[in-house]
PDB file of N, CA and C in Angstrom:
ATOM      1  N   MET A   1     121.495  86.036 129.026  1.00  0.00           N
ATOM      2  CA  MET A   1     121.411  86.593 128.154  1.00  0.00           C
ATOM      3  C   MET A   1     122.274  86.673 127.062  1.00  0.00           C
ATOM      4  N   ILE A   2     122.036  86.106 125.906  1.00  0.00           N
ATOM      5  CA  ILE A   2     123.283  85.928 124.860  1.00  0.00           C
ATOM      6  C   ILE A   2     123.084  87.359 123.839  1.00  0.00           C
ATOM      7  N   THR A   3     123.887  88.116 123.857  1.00  0.00           N
ATOM      8  CA  THR A   3     123.940  89.188 123.038  1.00  0.00           C
ATOM      9  C   THR A   3     125.010  89.179 122.061  1.00  0.00           C
ATOM     10  N   GLU A   4     125.050  89.904 120.742  1.00  0.00           N
ATOM     11  CA  GLU A   4     126.166  90.324 119.986  1.00  0.00           C
ATOM     12  C   GLU A   4     126.895  91.622 120.618  1.00  0.00           C
ATOM     13  N   PRO A   5     127.968  91.808 120.272  1.00  0.00           N
ATOM     14  CA  PRO A   5     128.543  93.078 120.391  1.00  0.00           C
ATOM     15  C   PRO A   5     127.978  94.221 119.634  1.00  0.00           C
ATOM     16  N   GLY A   6     127.304  95.356 120.191  1.00  0.00           N
ATOM     17  CA  GLY A   6     126.704  96.404 119.624  1.00  0.00           C
ATOM     18  C   GLY A   6     125.242  96.183 120.031  1.00  0.00           C
ATOM     19  N   ASP A   7     124.868  94.978 120.602  1.00  0.00           N
ATOM     20  CA  ASP A   7     123.284  94.843 120.965  1.00  0.00           C
ATOM     21  C   ASP A   7     123.127  95.767 122.044  1.00  0.00           C
ATOM     22  N   HIS A   8     121.709  96.359 122.124  1.00  0.00           N
ATOM     23  CA  HIS A   8     121.424  96.938 123.079  1.00  0.00           C
ATOM     24  C   HIS A   8     119.895  96.392 123.800  1.00  0.00           C
ATOM     25  N   MET A   9     120.326  96.047 125.101  1.00  0.00           N
ATOM     26  CA  MET A   9     119.268  95.447 125.811  1.00  0.00           C
ATOM     27  C   MET A   9     118.651  96.476 126.544  1.00  0.00           C
ATOM     28  N   LEU A  10     117.173  96.276 126.602  1.00  0.00           N
ATOM     29  CA  LEU A  10     116.441  97.515 127.175  1.00  0.00           C
ATOM     30  C   LEU A  10     116.269  97.053 129.032  1.00  0.00           C
ATOM     31  N   LYS A  11     116.303  98.041 129.609  1.00  0.00           N
ATOM     32  CA  LYS A  11     116.588  97.925 130.938  1.00  0.00           C
ATOM     33  C   LYS A  11     114.792  97.852 131.617  1.00  0.00           C
ATOM     34  N   ALA A  12     114.140  98.033 130.716  1.00  0.00           N
ATOM     35  CA  ALA A  12     112.467  97.846 131.221  1.00  0.00           C
ATOM     36  C   ALA A  12     112.279  96.565 130.882  1.00  0.00           C
ATOM     37  N   THR A  13     111.315  95.894 131.955  1.00  0.00           N
ATOM     38  CA  THR A  13     111.059  94.578 131.559  1.00  0.00           C
ATOM     39  C   THR A  13     109.303  94.725 131.579  1.00  0.00           C
ATOM     40  N   VAL A  14     108.912  93.990 130.543  1.00  0.00           N
ATOM     41  CA  VAL A  14     107.616  94.268 130.246  1.00  0.00           C
ATOM     42  C   VAL A  14     107.050  92.700 130.192  1.00  0.00           C
ATOM     43  N   GLY A  15     106.377  92.348 131.309  1.00  0.00           N
ATOM     44  CA  GLY A  15     105.594  90.986 131.570  1.00  0.00           C
ATOM     45  C   GLY A  15     104.163  91.053 130.869  1.00  0.00           C
ATOM     46  N   ARG A  16     103.401  89.794 131.207  1.00  0.00           N
ATOM     47  CA  ARG A  16     102.204  89.702 130.539  1.00  0.00           C
ATOM     48  C   ARG A  16     101.252  90.837 131.075  1.00  0.00           C
ATOM     49  N   ARG A  17     100.535  91.390 130.291  1.00  0.00           N
ATOM     50  CA  ARG A  17      99.567  92.677 131.138  1.00  0.00           C
ATOM     51  C   ARG A  17      98.218  92.546 130.498  1.00  0.00           C
ATOM     52  N   GLU A  18      97.361  91.909 131.450  1.00  0.00           N
ATOM     53  CA  GLU A  18      96.046  91.441 131.257  1.00  0.00           C
ATOM     54  C   GLU A  18      95.356  92.730 130.692  1.00  0.00           C
ATOM     55  N   GLN A  19      95.631  93.632 131.484  1.00  0.00           N
ATOM     56  CA  GLN A  19      95.052  95.225 131.002  1.00  0.00           C
ATOM     57  C   GLN A  19      95.073  95.491 129.626  1.00  0.00           C
ATOM     58  N   PHE A  20      96.020  95.135 128.947  1.00  0.00           N
ATOM     59  CA  PHE A  20      96.339  95.194 127.451  1.00  0.00           C
ATOM     60  C   PHE A  20      95.872  94.296 126.518  1.00  0.00           C
ATOM     61  N   ALA A  21      95.648  93.329 127.242  1.00  0.00           N
ATOM     62  CA  ALA A  21      95.456  91.935 126.470  1.00  0.00           C
ATOM     63  C   ALA A  21      93.819  92.121 126.085  1.00  0.00           C
ATOM     64  N   GLN A  22      93.313  92.686 127.053  1.00  0.00           N
ATOM     65  CA  GLN A  22      91.920  92.605 127.022  1.00  0.00           C
ATOM     66  C   GLN A  22      91.192  94.178 126.435  1.00  0.00           C
ATOM     67  N   ALA A  23      92.265  94.486 126.024  1.00  0.00           N
ATOM     68  CA  ALA A  23      92.015  96.080 125.455  1.00  0.00           C
ATOM     69  C   ALA A  23      91.053  95.899 123.988  1.00  0.00           C
ATOM     70  N   PHE A  24      91.036  95.058 123.378  1.00  0.00           N
ATOM     71  CA  PHE A  24      90.340  94.870 122.133  1.00  0.00           C
ATOM     72  C   PHE A  24      90.276  96.106 121.074  1.00  0.00           C
ATOM     73  N   SER A  25      91.524  96.691 120.904  1.00  0.00           N
ATOM     74  CA  SER A  25      91.753  97.837 120.093  1.00  0.00           C
ATOM     75  C   SER A  25      90.966  99.045 120.670  1.00  0.00           C
ATOM     76  N   LEU A  26      90.434  99.160 122.111  1.00  0.00           N
ATOM     77  CA  LEU A  26      89.882 100.384 122.423  1.00  0.00           C
ATOM     78  C   LEU A  26      91.155 100.978 122.893  1.00  0.00           C
ATOM     79  N   LEU A  27      90.922 102.392 123.575  1.00  0.00           N
ATOM     80  CA  LEU A  27      92.273 102.947 124.105  1.00  0.00           C
ATOM     81  C   LEU A  27      92.616 102.489 125.277  1.00  0.00           C
ATOM     82  N   ILE A  28      94.050 102.695 125.539  1.00  0.00           N
ATOM     83  CA  ILE A  28      94.479 102.276 126.691  1.00  0.00           C
ATOM     84  C   ILE A  28      94.847 103.557 127.396  1.00  0.00           C
ATOM     85  N   GLU A  29      94.240 103.935 128.667  1.00  0.00           N
ATOM     86  CA  GLU A  29      94.587 105.126 129.465  1.00  0.00           C
ATOM     87  C   GLU A  29      95.840 104.854 130.265  1.00  0.00           C
ATOM     88  N   ASN A  30      96.725 105.949 130.308  1.00  0.00           N
ATOM     89  CA  ASN A  30      97.654 105.892 131.260  1.00  0.00           C
ATOM     90  C   ASN A  30      98.983 104.647 131.037  1.00  0.00           C
ATOM     91  N   ALA A  31      98.845 104.228 129.901  1.00  0.00           N
ATOM     92  CA  ALA A  31      99.837 103.382 129.403  1.00  0.00           C
ATOM     93  C   ALA A  31     101.171 103.920 129.765  1.00  0.00           C
ATOM     94  N   ALA A  32     101.578 105.019 129.605  1.00  0.00           N
ATOM     95  CA  ALA A  32     102.932 105.577 129.737  1.00  0.00           C
ATOM     96  C   ALA A  32     103.305 105.280 131.181  1.00  0.00           C
ATOM     97  N   THR A  33     102.286 105.232 132.375  1.00  0.00           N
ATOM     98  CA  THR A  33     102.818 105.018 133.411  1.00  0.00           C
ATOM     99  C   THR A  33     103.142 103.526 133.888  1.00  0.00           C
ATOM    100  N   THR A  34     103.138 102.781 132.817  1.00  0.00           N
ATOM    101  CA  THR A  34     103.434 101.172 133.040  1.00  0.00           C
ATOM    102  C   THR A  34     104.908 100.923 132.541  1.00  0.00           C
ATOM    103  N   ALA A  35     105.254  99.824 132.433  1.00  0.00           N
ATOM    104  CA  ALA A  35     106.453  99.352 131.940  1.00  0.00           C
ATOM    105  C   ALA A  35     106.628  99.384 130.365  1.00  0.00           C
ATOM    106  N   TYR A  36     105.512  99.553 129.957  1.00  0.00           N
ATOM    107  CA  TYR A  36     105.539  99.681 128.277  1.00  0.00           C
ATOM    108  C   TYR A  36     105.803 101.396 128.010  1.00  0.00           C
ATOM    109  N   GLY A  37     105.678 102.359 129.098  1.00  0.00           N
ATOM    110  CA  GLY A  37     105.993 103.449 128.907  1.00  0.00           C
ATOM    111  C   GLY A  37     107.437 103.641 129.326  1.00  0.00           C
ATOM    112  N   ASP A  38     107.888 102.943 130.100  1.00  0.00           N
ATOM    113  CA  ASP A  38     109.412 102.701 130.456  1.00  0.00           C
ATOM    114  C   ASP A  38     110.266 102.507 129.124  1.00  0.00           C
ATOM    115  N   ALA A  39     109.692 101.425 128.499  1.00  0.00           N
ATOM    116  CA  ALA A  39     110.352 100.645 127.274  1.00  0.00           C
ATOM    117  C   ALA A  39     110.271 101.898 126.377  1.00  0.00           C
ATOM    118  N   VAL A  40     109.465 102.509 126.106  1.00  0.00           N
ATOM    119  CA  VAL A  40     109.217 103.605 125.307  1.00  0.00           C
ATOM    120  C   VAL A  40     110.161 104.654 125.173  1.00  0.00           C
ATOM    121  N   GLU A  41     110.291 105.137 126.423  1.00  0.00           N
ATOM    122  CA  GLU A  41     111.107 106.245 126.883  1.00  0.00           C
ATOM    123  C   GLU A  41     112.622 105.700 126.724  1.00  0.00           C
ATOM    124  N   GLU A  42     112.936 104.661 126.830  1.00  0.00           N
ATOM    125  CA  GLU A  42     114.412 104.267 126.778  1.00  0.00           C
ATOM    126  C   GLU A  42     114.592 104.135 125.302  1.00  0.00           C
ATOM    127  N   LEU A  43     113.711 103.522 124.429  1.00  0.00           N
ATOM    128  CA  LEU A  43     113.798 103.465 123.117  1.00  0.00           C
ATOM    129  C   LEU A  43     114.138 104.968 122.220  1.00  0.00           C
ATOM    130  N   LEU A  44     113.296 105.887 122.918  1.00  0.00           N
ATOM    131  CA  LEU A  44     113.395 107.311 122.284  1.00  0.00           C
ATOM    132  C   LEU A  44     114.735 107.913 122.909  1.00  0.00           C
ATOM    133  N   GLU A  45     115.225 107.367 123.836  1.00  0.00           N
ATOM    134  CA  GLU A  45     116.657 108.001 124.445  1.00  0.00           C
ATOM    135  C   GLU A  45     117.596 107.379 123.169  1.00  0.00           C
ATOM    136  N   ILE A  46     117.539 105.895 122.935  1.00  0.00           N
ATOM    137  CA  ILE A  46     118.516 105.366 122.067  1.00  0.00           C
ATOM    138  C   ILE A  46     118.236 105.961 121.054  1.00  0.00           C
ATOM    139  N   GLY A  47     117.215 106.268 120.298  1.00  0.00           N
ATOM    140  CA  GLY A  47     117.245 106.961 119.067  1.00  0.00           C
ATOM    141  C   GLY A  47     117.666 108.425 119.060  1.00  0.00           C
ATOM    142  N   THR A  48     117.586 108.975 119.864  1.00  0.00           N
ATOM    143  CA  THR A  48     118.298 110.403 119.953  1.00  0.00           C
ATOM    144  C   THR A  48     119.805 110.277 120.271  1.00  0.00           C
ATOM    145  N   GLU A  49     120.354 109.274 120.813  1.00  0.00           N
ATOM    146  CA  GLU A  49     121.925 108.929 120.808  1.00  0.00           C
ATOM    147  C   GLU A  49     122.375 108.496 119.371  1.00  0.00           C
ATOM    148  N   ASP A  50     121.600 107.815 118.972  1.00  0.00           N
ATOM    149  CA  ASP A  50     121.872 107.199 117.586  1.00  0.00           C
ATOM    150  C   ASP A  50     121.977 108.307 116.620  1.00  0.00           C
ATOM    151  N   ALA A  51     121.063 109.265 116.902  1.00  0.00           N
ATOM    152  CA  ALA A  51     121.073 110.573 116.058  1.00  0.00           C
ATOM    153  C   ALA A  51     122.146 111.549 116.068  1.00  0.00           C
ATOM    154  N   ALA A  52     122.673 111.574 117.117  1.00  0.00           N
ATOM    155  CA  ALA A  52     123.829 112.477 117.558  1.00  0.00           C
ATOM    156  C   ALA A  52     125.260 112.238 116.813  1.00  0.00           C
TER     157      ALA A  52
END
């Protein structure tokens, strides 16, 4: 993977999720327990670090 100095690559890997592709704007239950939840958690941590 090619990155520039200072770029942050997320550790979470999110692949294609039919569970979400088929949602058609309906509520998605338990999304936080999937890789999407891991990615959001990491983004929130980065935001907290940047704010400090």
